[in-house]
Amino acid sequence: MKLRMFYKYRGLLTGLLGALLLCLPAAVTGFVVIAVAGAFFAAAFFLRVWARMHIGDHSRGKELFCPALVQSGPYKYVKHPLYLSNFMAGVAFAFFHAGFSFRALLFCAVYGCFLGYLAHKENVFLADAHNCGEQTRMVAKATAGGALWADRYTWLWQSMMLALIFLRKNVC
């Protein structure tokens, strides 16, 4: 699959992986599992907000382009903090739903490979100087509230996933 096509449908592919996670048997999770999953989810949340504060309202959405290469905030330490936060949220969802099981770890490995592939392909794209505008070490472009608003659809999908996990574990 060509990178642009794969990139365009990465949200749909992530949703399919989420549906796959919900197909796993639900596990009874104790305090330790919930605490670890909660820590992963909180860290994912704060990393995403911090990254969004530096990248601003910029989002590639379904298009792969790069008006500027941000090298401040979390981008100073990690090349793809939004992918990292997505992975951390995925780990939290897996632990919330399936506990510390082999199935949850297998899901985390598959999701990690998927995001790693996306990050690798993006690195190849960004390495071509013609694809990216100026490299910038900017200060935060958005406030925390602006960052939360910029990712409103991410929060919607993550809230829906948590609700589905809760329903799957407690109703089904």
N, C-alpha and C. Protein backbone atom coordinates (compact mmCIF):
# COMPACT_ATOMS: atom_id res chain seq x y z
N MET A 1 0.85 -1.17 0.00
CA MET A 1 0.00 0.00 0.00
C MET A 1 0.90 1.23 0.00
N LYS A 2 0.60 2.19 -0.85
CA LYS A 2 1.39 3.41 -0.91
C LYS A 2 1.26 4.17 0.41
N LEU A 3 2.33 4.89 0.75
CA LEU A 3 2.36 5.61 2.02
C LEU A 3 1.19 6.58 2.15
N ARG A 4 0.92 7.35 1.12
CA ARG A 4 -0.16 8.35 1.23
C ARG A 4 -1.51 7.69 1.48
N MET A 5 -1.76 6.55 0.86
CA MET A 5 -3.01 5.84 1.06
C MET A 5 -3.07 5.25 2.48
N PHE A 6 -1.97 4.65 2.90
CA PHE A 6 -1.88 4.09 4.25
C PHE A 6 -2.06 5.19 5.28
N TYR A 7 -1.40 6.32 5.04
CA TYR A 7 -1.48 7.46 5.96
C TYR A 7 -2.91 8.00 6.02
N LYS A 8 -3.54 8.11 4.88
CA LYS A 8 -4.89 8.65 4.80
C LYS A 8 -5.88 7.84 5.64
N TYR A 9 -5.70 6.54 5.69
CA TYR A 9 -6.64 5.67 6.39
C TYR A 9 -6.10 5.14 7.72
N ARG A 10 -5.10 5.82 8.29
CA ARG A 10 -4.51 5.35 9.55
C ARG A 10 -5.53 5.37 10.69
N GLY A 11 -6.45 6.33 10.69
CA GLY A 11 -7.48 6.38 11.72
C GLY A 11 -8.42 5.19 11.63
N LEU A 12 -8.81 4.82 10.42
CA LEU A 12 -9.67 3.66 10.21
C LEU A 12 -8.95 2.38 10.63
N LEU A 13 -7.68 2.27 10.28
CA LEU A 13 -6.91 1.09 10.68
C LEU A 13 -6.77 1.02 12.20
N THR A 14 -6.58 2.16 12.84
CA THR A 14 -6.52 2.19 14.30
C THR A 14 -7.86 1.75 14.89
N GLY A 15 -8.95 2.22 14.29
CA GLY A 15 -10.28 1.80 14.75
C GLY A 15 -10.49 0.30 14.62
N LEU A 16 -9.99 -0.28 13.53
CA LEU A 16 -10.10 -1.73 13.35
C LEU A 16 -9.28 -2.47 14.40
N LEU A 17 -8.11 -1.93 14.73
CA LEU A 17 -7.33 -2.55 15.81
C LEU A 17 -8.06 -2.44 17.14
N GLY A 18 -8.74 -1.31 17.37
CA GLY A 18 -9.54 -1.15 18.58
C GLY A 18 -10.67 -2.17 18.64
N ALA A 19 -11.32 -2.41 17.49
CA ALA A 19 -12.38 -3.42 17.43
C ALA A 19 -11.80 -4.81 17.70
N LEU A 20 -10.60 -5.06 17.19
CA LEU A 20 -9.93 -6.32 17.47
C LEU A 20 -9.68 -6.47 18.97
N LEU A 21 -9.26 -5.41 19.62
CA LEU A 21 -9.05 -5.45 21.06
C LEU A 21 -10.34 -5.81 21.79
N LEU A 22 -11.46 -5.23 21.37
CA LEU A 22 -12.73 -5.52 22.02
C LEU A 22 -13.19 -6.96 21.80
N CYS A 23 -12.66 -7.62 20.77
CA CYS A 23 -12.99 -9.03 20.53
C CYS A 23 -12.26 -9.96 21.50
N LEU A 24 -11.21 -9.45 22.14
CA LEU A 24 -10.49 -10.27 23.12
C LEU A 24 -11.38 -10.48 24.34
N PRO A 25 -11.23 -11.61 25.02
CA PRO A 25 -12.01 -11.81 26.24
C PRO A 25 -11.64 -10.76 27.29
N ALA A 26 -12.67 -10.25 27.94
CA ALA A 26 -12.44 -9.26 29.00
C ALA A 26 -11.89 -9.96 30.23
N ALA A 27 -10.98 -9.30 30.89
CA ALA A 27 -10.38 -9.87 32.10
C ALA A 27 -10.86 -9.09 33.32
N VAL A 28 -10.92 -9.78 34.43
CA VAL A 28 -11.20 -9.10 35.69
C VAL A 28 -9.90 -8.40 36.08
N THR A 29 -9.96 -7.10 36.20
CA THR A 29 -8.75 -6.33 36.49
C THR A 29 -8.79 -5.82 37.91
N GLY A 30 -7.69 -5.98 38.59
CA GLY A 30 -7.58 -5.51 39.96
C GLY A 30 -7.01 -4.11 40.03
N PHE A 31 -6.75 -3.68 41.24
CA PHE A 31 -6.27 -2.33 41.48
C PHE A 31 -4.95 -2.04 40.78
N VAL A 32 -4.01 -2.98 40.82
CA VAL A 32 -2.69 -2.75 40.23
C VAL A 32 -2.80 -2.54 38.72
N VAL A 33 -3.59 -3.38 38.05
CA VAL A 33 -3.76 -3.26 36.61
C VAL A 33 -4.41 -1.92 36.27
N ILE A 34 -5.44 -1.56 37.01
CA ILE A 34 -6.12 -0.29 36.75
C ILE A 34 -5.19 0.88 37.03
N ALA A 35 -4.37 0.79 38.08
CA ALA A 35 -3.42 1.86 38.39
C ALA A 35 -2.37 2.01 37.29
N VAL A 36 -1.84 0.90 36.80
CA VAL A 36 -0.84 0.96 35.72
C VAL A 36 -1.48 1.50 34.44
N ALA A 37 -2.65 0.99 34.11
CA ALA A 37 -3.35 1.48 32.91
C ALA A 37 -3.68 2.96 33.06
N GLY A 38 -4.12 3.37 34.22
CA GLY A 38 -4.42 4.78 34.45
C GLY A 38 -3.19 5.66 34.32
N ALA A 39 -2.05 5.16 34.80
CA ALA A 39 -0.80 5.92 34.68
C ALA A 39 -0.40 6.06 33.20
N PHE A 40 -0.53 4.97 32.43
CA PHE A 40 -0.24 5.04 31.00
C PHE A 40 -1.17 6.04 30.32
N PHE A 41 -2.46 5.99 30.68
CA PHE A 41 -3.41 6.88 30.03
C PHE A 41 -3.15 8.34 30.40
N ALA A 42 -2.85 8.60 31.67
CA ALA A 42 -2.56 9.98 32.10
C ALA A 42 -1.30 10.50 31.40
N ALA A 43 -0.27 9.67 31.33
CA ALA A 43 0.96 10.09 30.65
C ALA A 43 0.70 10.35 29.17
N ALA A 44 -0.11 9.50 28.53
CA ALA A 44 -0.47 9.70 27.13
C ALA A 44 -1.21 11.01 26.94
N PHE A 45 -2.14 11.29 27.84
CA PHE A 45 -2.92 12.52 27.77
C PHE A 45 -2.01 13.75 27.87
N PHE A 46 -1.15 13.78 28.88
CA PHE A 46 -0.31 14.96 29.07
C PHE A 46 0.74 15.10 27.96
N LEU A 47 1.29 14.00 27.47
CA LEU A 47 2.23 14.07 26.37
C LEU A 47 1.55 14.62 25.12
N ARG A 48 0.33 14.17 24.87
CA ARG A 48 -0.40 14.64 23.69
C ARG A 48 -0.70 16.13 23.78
N VAL A 49 -1.12 16.59 24.94
CA VAL A 49 -1.42 18.02 25.11
C VAL A 49 -0.13 18.83 24.94
N TRP A 50 0.96 18.37 25.56
CA TRP A 50 2.23 19.08 25.45
C TRP A 50 2.69 19.15 23.98
N ALA A 51 2.59 18.03 23.27
CA ALA A 51 2.97 18.01 21.85
C ALA A 51 2.09 18.94 21.04
N ARG A 52 0.81 18.92 21.31
CA ARG A 52 -0.12 19.76 20.56
C ARG A 52 0.12 21.24 20.84
N MET A 53 0.56 21.54 22.05
CA MET A 53 0.87 22.94 22.37
C MET A 53 2.03 23.44 21.50
N HIS A 54 2.92 22.56 21.11
CA HIS A 54 4.07 22.98 20.29
C HIS A 54 3.80 22.88 18.79
N ILE A 55 2.99 21.93 18.40
CA ILE A 55 2.70 21.80 16.97
C ILE A 55 1.54 22.72 16.59
N GLY A 56 0.79 23.17 17.58
CA GLY A 56 -0.33 24.08 17.32
C GLY A 56 -1.52 23.35 16.74
N ASP A 57 -2.34 24.09 16.06
CA ASP A 57 -3.55 23.53 15.47
C ASP A 57 -3.22 22.73 14.22
N HIS A 58 -1.95 22.76 13.83
CA HIS A 58 -1.49 22.00 12.66
C HIS A 58 -1.81 20.53 12.84
N SER A 59 -2.42 20.00 11.87
CA SER A 59 -2.65 18.57 11.85
C SER A 59 -2.66 18.17 10.39
N ARG A 60 -2.03 17.08 10.11
CA ARG A 60 -1.98 16.66 8.72
C ARG A 60 -3.28 16.01 8.28
N GLY A 61 -4.11 15.66 9.24
CA GLY A 61 -5.37 15.03 8.88
C GLY A 61 -5.15 13.87 7.96
N LYS A 62 -5.69 13.95 6.77
CA LYS A 62 -5.56 12.86 5.81
C LYS A 62 -4.48 13.14 4.77
N GLU A 63 -3.87 14.30 4.85
CA GLU A 63 -2.83 14.67 3.90
C GLU A 63 -1.47 14.57 4.55
N LEU A 64 -0.50 14.09 3.81
CA LEU A 64 0.86 13.99 4.30
C LEU A 64 1.65 15.17 3.74
N PHE A 65 1.83 16.19 4.57
CA PHE A 65 2.62 17.36 4.20
C PHE A 65 3.26 17.91 5.45
N CYS A 66 4.23 18.79 5.27
CA CYS A 66 4.99 19.30 6.40
C CYS A 66 5.34 20.76 6.16
N PRO A 67 4.54 21.70 6.68
CA PRO A 67 4.86 23.11 6.49
C PRO A 67 6.09 23.55 7.29
N ALA A 68 6.33 22.91 8.42
CA ALA A 68 7.50 23.23 9.25
C ALA A 68 7.82 22.01 10.11
N LEU A 69 9.08 21.81 10.39
CA LEU A 69 9.50 20.71 11.24
C LEU A 69 9.73 21.26 12.65
N VAL A 70 8.85 20.92 13.57
CA VAL A 70 8.92 21.42 14.93
C VAL A 70 10.00 20.66 15.70
N GLN A 71 10.84 21.40 16.42
CA GLN A 71 11.92 20.78 17.19
C GLN A 71 11.97 21.35 18.61
N SER A 72 10.80 21.65 19.16
CA SER A 72 10.74 22.16 20.53
C SER A 72 9.76 21.33 21.33
N GLY A 73 9.72 21.57 22.64
CA GLY A 73 8.83 20.81 23.51
C GLY A 73 9.18 19.33 23.44
N PRO A 74 8.19 18.46 23.35
CA PRO A 74 8.48 17.02 23.31
C PRO A 74 9.18 16.62 22.01
N TYR A 75 9.03 17.43 20.95
CA TYR A 75 9.69 17.14 19.68
C TYR A 75 11.20 17.28 19.80
N LYS A 76 11.66 17.93 20.84
CA LYS A 76 13.09 18.05 21.11
C LYS A 76 13.66 16.70 21.57
N TYR A 77 12.83 15.88 22.19
CA TYR A 77 13.27 14.60 22.77
C TYR A 77 12.81 13.39 21.99
N VAL A 78 11.65 13.49 21.36
CA VAL A 78 11.04 12.36 20.65
C VAL A 78 10.57 12.87 19.30
N LYS A 79 10.86 12.14 18.26
CA LYS A 79 10.52 12.60 16.91
C LYS A 79 9.01 12.59 16.64
N HIS A 80 8.32 11.63 17.23
CA HIS A 80 6.87 11.49 16.99
C HIS A 80 6.11 11.35 18.31
N PRO A 81 6.02 12.42 19.11
CA PRO A 81 5.34 12.30 20.41
C PRO A 81 3.85 11.99 20.30
N LEU A 82 3.21 12.38 19.21
CA LEU A 82 1.79 12.06 19.07
C LEU A 82 1.60 10.55 18.84
N TYR A 83 2.47 9.93 18.06
CA TYR A 83 2.40 8.47 17.91
C TYR A 83 2.71 7.79 19.23
N LEU A 84 3.69 8.31 19.97
CA LEU A 84 4.01 7.72 21.27
C LEU A 84 2.82 7.83 22.21
N SER A 85 2.14 8.97 22.22
CA SER A 85 0.97 9.11 23.10
C SER A 85 -0.15 8.17 22.65
N ASN A 86 -0.31 7.98 21.34
CA ASN A 86 -1.31 7.03 20.86
C ASN A 86 -0.98 5.61 21.32
N PHE A 87 0.31 5.25 21.25
CA PHE A 87 0.71 3.92 21.70
C PHE A 87 0.44 3.76 23.20
N MET A 88 0.79 4.77 23.98
CA MET A 88 0.57 4.70 25.43
C MET A 88 -0.92 4.57 25.75
N ALA A 89 -1.77 5.28 25.02
CA ALA A 89 -3.21 5.15 25.22
C ALA A 89 -3.67 3.74 24.82
N GLY A 90 -3.12 3.20 23.73
CA GLY A 90 -3.46 1.84 23.32
C GLY A 90 -3.07 0.81 24.37
N VAL A 91 -1.90 0.99 24.97
CA VAL A 91 -1.48 0.10 26.06
C VAL A 91 -2.46 0.21 27.22
N ALA A 92 -2.86 1.43 27.55
CA ALA A 92 -3.82 1.62 28.65
C ALA A 92 -5.13 0.91 28.33
N PHE A 93 -5.64 1.06 27.11
CA PHE A 93 -6.89 0.39 26.73
C PHE A 93 -6.74 -1.13 26.83
N ALA A 94 -5.60 -1.65 26.35
CA ALA A 94 -5.38 -3.10 26.40
C ALA A 94 -5.36 -3.59 27.84
N PHE A 95 -4.69 -2.87 28.72
CA PHE A 95 -4.63 -3.29 30.13
C PHE A 95 -5.98 -3.14 30.81
N PHE A 96 -6.71 -2.04 30.52
CA PHE A 96 -8.05 -1.87 31.10
C PHE A 96 -8.93 -3.05 30.72
N HIS A 97 -8.84 -3.47 29.46
CA HIS A 97 -9.75 -4.50 28.96
C HIS A 97 -9.28 -5.92 29.25
N ALA A 98 -8.02 -6.21 28.96
CA ALA A 98 -7.56 -7.60 29.02
C ALA A 98 -6.55 -7.85 30.13
N GLY A 99 -6.28 -6.86 30.97
CA GLY A 99 -5.33 -7.05 32.06
C GLY A 99 -3.91 -7.26 31.55
N PHE A 100 -3.09 -7.85 32.38
CA PHE A 100 -1.70 -8.13 32.00
C PHE A 100 -1.62 -9.51 31.34
N SER A 101 -2.45 -9.75 30.37
CA SER A 101 -2.50 -11.06 29.72
C SER A 101 -1.59 -11.09 28.49
N PHE A 102 -1.34 -12.30 28.02
CA PHE A 102 -0.56 -12.46 26.79
C PHE A 102 -1.28 -11.78 25.63
N ARG A 103 -2.60 -11.90 25.60
CA ARG A 103 -3.38 -11.29 24.52
C ARG A 103 -3.21 -9.77 24.51
N ALA A 104 -3.23 -9.16 25.70
CA ALA A 104 -3.04 -7.71 25.78
C ALA A 104 -1.65 -7.33 25.30
N LEU A 105 -0.66 -8.10 25.69
CA LEU A 105 0.71 -7.81 25.25
C LEU A 105 0.86 -8.01 23.74
N LEU A 106 0.20 -9.02 23.20
CA LEU A 106 0.23 -9.25 21.76
C LEU A 106 -0.43 -8.07 21.03
N PHE A 107 -1.57 -7.60 21.55
CA PHE A 107 -2.22 -6.43 20.96
C PHE A 107 -1.26 -5.23 20.98
N CYS A 108 -0.59 -5.02 22.12
CA CYS A 108 0.35 -3.89 22.24
C CYS A 108 1.48 -4.02 21.22
N ALA A 109 1.96 -5.24 21.00
CA ALA A 109 3.02 -5.45 20.01
C ALA A 109 2.54 -5.14 18.60
N VAL A 110 1.34 -5.60 18.25
CA VAL A 110 0.79 -5.34 16.92
C VAL A 110 0.56 -3.84 16.73
N TYR A 111 -0.02 -3.19 17.73
CA TYR A 111 -0.28 -1.74 17.64
C TYR A 111 1.04 -0.97 17.58
N GLY A 112 2.02 -1.39 18.35
CA GLY A 112 3.32 -0.75 18.33
C GLY A 112 3.99 -0.88 16.97
N CYS A 113 3.89 -2.05 16.35
CA CYS A 113 4.45 -2.25 15.01
C CYS A 113 3.74 -1.36 13.99
N PHE A 114 2.43 -1.27 14.09
CA PHE A 114 1.65 -0.41 13.20
C PHE A 114 2.11 1.04 13.32
N LEU A 115 2.21 1.56 14.54
CA LEU A 115 2.63 2.94 14.73
C LEU A 115 4.10 3.13 14.36
N GLY A 116 4.92 2.13 14.64
CA GLY A 116 6.32 2.19 14.25
C GLY A 116 6.48 2.26 12.74
N TYR A 117 5.67 1.51 12.02
CA TYR A 117 5.70 1.55 10.56
C TYR A 117 5.30 2.95 10.07
N LEU A 118 4.23 3.50 10.65
CA LEU A 118 3.82 4.85 10.27
C LEU A 118 4.94 5.86 10.53
N ALA A 119 5.56 5.78 11.71
CA ALA A 119 6.63 6.71 12.06
C ALA A 119 7.82 6.56 11.11
N HIS A 120 8.16 5.31 10.77
CA HIS A 120 9.27 5.08 9.84
C HIS A 120 8.97 5.70 8.48
N LYS A 121 7.78 5.47 7.97
CA LYS A 121 7.41 6.02 6.66
C LYS A 121 7.37 7.55 6.70
N GLU A 122 6.93 8.10 7.82
CA GLU A 122 6.95 9.55 7.95
C GLU A 122 8.37 10.08 7.98
N ASN A 123 9.27 9.36 8.65
CA ASN A 123 10.68 9.77 8.67
C ASN A 123 11.27 9.80 7.27
N VAL A 124 10.94 8.80 6.46
CA VAL A 124 11.40 8.77 5.08
C VAL A 124 10.86 9.99 4.34
N PHE A 125 9.59 10.28 4.54
CA PHE A 125 8.98 11.45 3.90
C PHE A 125 9.66 12.74 4.36
N LEU A 126 9.90 12.89 5.66
CA LEU A 126 10.49 14.11 6.20
C LEU A 126 11.96 14.26 5.81
N ALA A 127 12.64 13.17 5.53
CA ALA A 127 14.05 13.23 5.16
C ALA A 127 14.25 13.91 3.81
N ASP A 128 13.25 13.87 2.97
CA ASP A 128 13.32 14.54 1.68
C ASP A 128 13.11 16.03 1.90
N ALA A 129 14.12 16.82 1.66
CA ALA A 129 14.07 18.27 1.94
C ALA A 129 12.96 18.97 1.18
N HIS A 130 12.52 18.40 0.07
CA HIS A 130 11.47 19.04 -0.71
C HIS A 130 10.09 18.91 -0.06
N ASN A 131 9.95 17.96 0.86
CA ASN A 131 8.65 17.71 1.47
C ASN A 131 8.36 18.59 2.67
N CYS A 132 9.38 19.19 3.25
CA CYS A 132 9.18 19.90 4.51
C CYS A 132 9.67 21.34 4.42
N GLY A 133 8.91 22.21 5.03
CA GLY A 133 9.30 23.62 5.08
C GLY A 133 10.44 23.83 6.05
N GLU A 134 10.50 25.00 6.62
CA GLU A 134 11.60 25.35 7.52
C GLU A 134 11.62 24.49 8.77
N GLN A 135 12.81 24.33 9.32
CA GLN A 135 12.93 23.67 10.61
C GLN A 135 12.86 24.77 11.65
N THR A 136 12.05 24.57 12.65
CA THR A 136 11.83 25.64 13.61
C THR A 136 11.89 25.14 15.04
N ARG A 137 12.49 25.95 15.88
CA ARG A 137 12.53 25.69 17.31
C ARG A 137 11.62 26.74 17.96
N MET A 138 10.36 26.53 17.81
CA MET A 138 9.42 27.54 18.28
C MET A 138 8.99 27.30 19.72
N VAL A 139 8.52 28.36 20.33
CA VAL A 139 7.90 28.22 21.64
C VAL A 139 6.50 27.70 21.41
N ALA A 140 5.83 27.36 22.48
CA ALA A 140 4.49 26.80 22.36
C ALA A 140 3.60 27.73 21.53
N LYS A 141 2.89 27.14 20.58
CA LYS A 141 2.02 27.90 19.70
C LYS A 141 0.60 28.01 20.26
N ALA A 142 0.25 27.09 21.14
CA ALA A 142 -1.12 27.04 21.63
C ALA A 142 -1.12 26.91 23.15
N THR A 143 -2.21 27.33 23.74
CA THR A 143 -2.40 27.11 25.17
C THR A 143 -2.85 25.68 25.39
N ALA A 144 -2.90 25.26 26.63
CA ALA A 144 -3.39 23.91 26.93
C ALA A 144 -4.83 23.76 26.45
N GLY A 145 -5.64 24.80 26.65
CA GLY A 145 -7.02 24.74 26.17
C GLY A 145 -7.10 24.64 24.66
N GLY A 146 -6.24 25.38 23.98
CA GLY A 146 -6.18 25.30 22.52
C GLY A 146 -5.73 23.92 22.06
N ALA A 147 -4.78 23.35 22.79
CA ALA A 147 -4.30 22.00 22.46
C ALA A 147 -5.41 20.97 22.66
N LEU A 148 -6.17 21.12 23.74
CA LEU A 148 -7.29 20.20 23.98
C LEU A 148 -8.33 20.30 22.86
N TRP A 149 -8.61 21.53 22.45
CA TRP A 149 -9.59 21.75 21.39
C TRP A 149 -9.09 21.20 20.05
N ALA A 150 -7.81 21.37 19.77
CA ALA A 150 -7.24 20.90 18.51
C ALA A 150 -7.37 19.38 18.37
N ASP A 151 -7.37 18.68 19.48
CA ASP A 151 -7.47 17.21 19.47
C ASP A 151 -8.85 16.73 19.91
N ARG A 152 -9.85 17.52 19.71
CA ARG A 152 -11.19 17.18 20.20
C ARG A 152 -11.70 15.85 19.66
N TYR A 153 -11.35 15.53 18.41
CA TYR A 153 -11.82 14.25 17.85
C TYR A 153 -11.06 13.08 18.46
N THR A 154 -9.80 13.27 18.79
CA THR A 154 -9.04 12.23 19.48
C THR A 154 -9.69 11.93 20.82
N TRP A 155 -10.05 12.98 21.56
CA TRP A 155 -10.68 12.78 22.87
C TRP A 155 -12.03 12.10 22.71
N LEU A 156 -12.76 12.44 21.66
CA LEU A 156 -14.05 11.78 21.40
C LEU A 156 -13.86 10.29 21.18
N TRP A 157 -12.92 9.91 20.30
CA TRP A 157 -12.69 8.50 20.02
C TRP A 157 -12.17 7.76 21.24
N GLN A 158 -11.29 8.40 22.00
CA GLN A 158 -10.77 7.74 23.20
C GLN A 158 -11.86 7.57 24.25
N SER A 159 -12.74 8.54 24.38
CA SER A 159 -13.87 8.42 25.32
C SER A 159 -14.79 7.28 24.89
N MET A 160 -15.04 7.20 23.58
CA MET A 160 -15.89 6.11 23.08
C MET A 160 -15.24 4.75 23.33
N MET A 161 -13.92 4.67 23.15
CA MET A 161 -13.23 3.40 23.38
C MET A 161 -13.33 3.00 24.85
N LEU A 162 -13.13 3.97 25.75
CA LEU A 162 -13.27 3.66 27.18
C LEU A 162 -14.68 3.20 27.51
N ALA A 163 -15.69 3.87 26.92
CA ALA A 163 -17.07 3.47 27.16
C ALA A 163 -17.34 2.06 26.63
N LEU A 164 -16.82 1.75 25.45
CA LEU A 164 -17.02 0.42 24.89
C LEU A 164 -16.32 -0.65 25.73
N ILE A 165 -15.14 -0.35 26.22
CA ILE A 165 -14.45 -1.30 27.11
C ILE A 165 -15.27 -1.52 28.37
N PHE A 166 -15.77 -0.43 28.95
CA PHE A 166 -16.59 -0.55 30.16
C PHE A 166 -17.82 -1.40 29.89
N LEU A 167 -18.51 -1.12 28.78
CA LEU A 167 -19.71 -1.89 28.43
C LEU A 167 -19.37 -3.35 28.17
N ARG A 168 -18.30 -3.60 27.43
CA ARG A 168 -17.89 -4.98 27.11
C ARG A 168 -17.57 -5.77 28.38
N LYS A 169 -16.94 -5.11 29.33
CA LYS A 169 -16.55 -5.81 30.56
C LYS A 169 -17.71 -5.99 31.53
N ASN A 170 -18.65 -5.06 31.53
CA ASN A 170 -19.68 -5.07 32.56
C ASN A 170 -21.08 -5.44 32.08
N VAL A 171 -21.32 -5.38 30.78
CA VAL A 171 -22.66 -5.67 30.28
C VAL A 171 -22.69 -6.93 29.43
N CYS A 172 -21.73 -7.07 28.58
CA CYS A 172 -21.72 -8.23 27.65
C CYS A 172 -21.22 -9.48 28.31
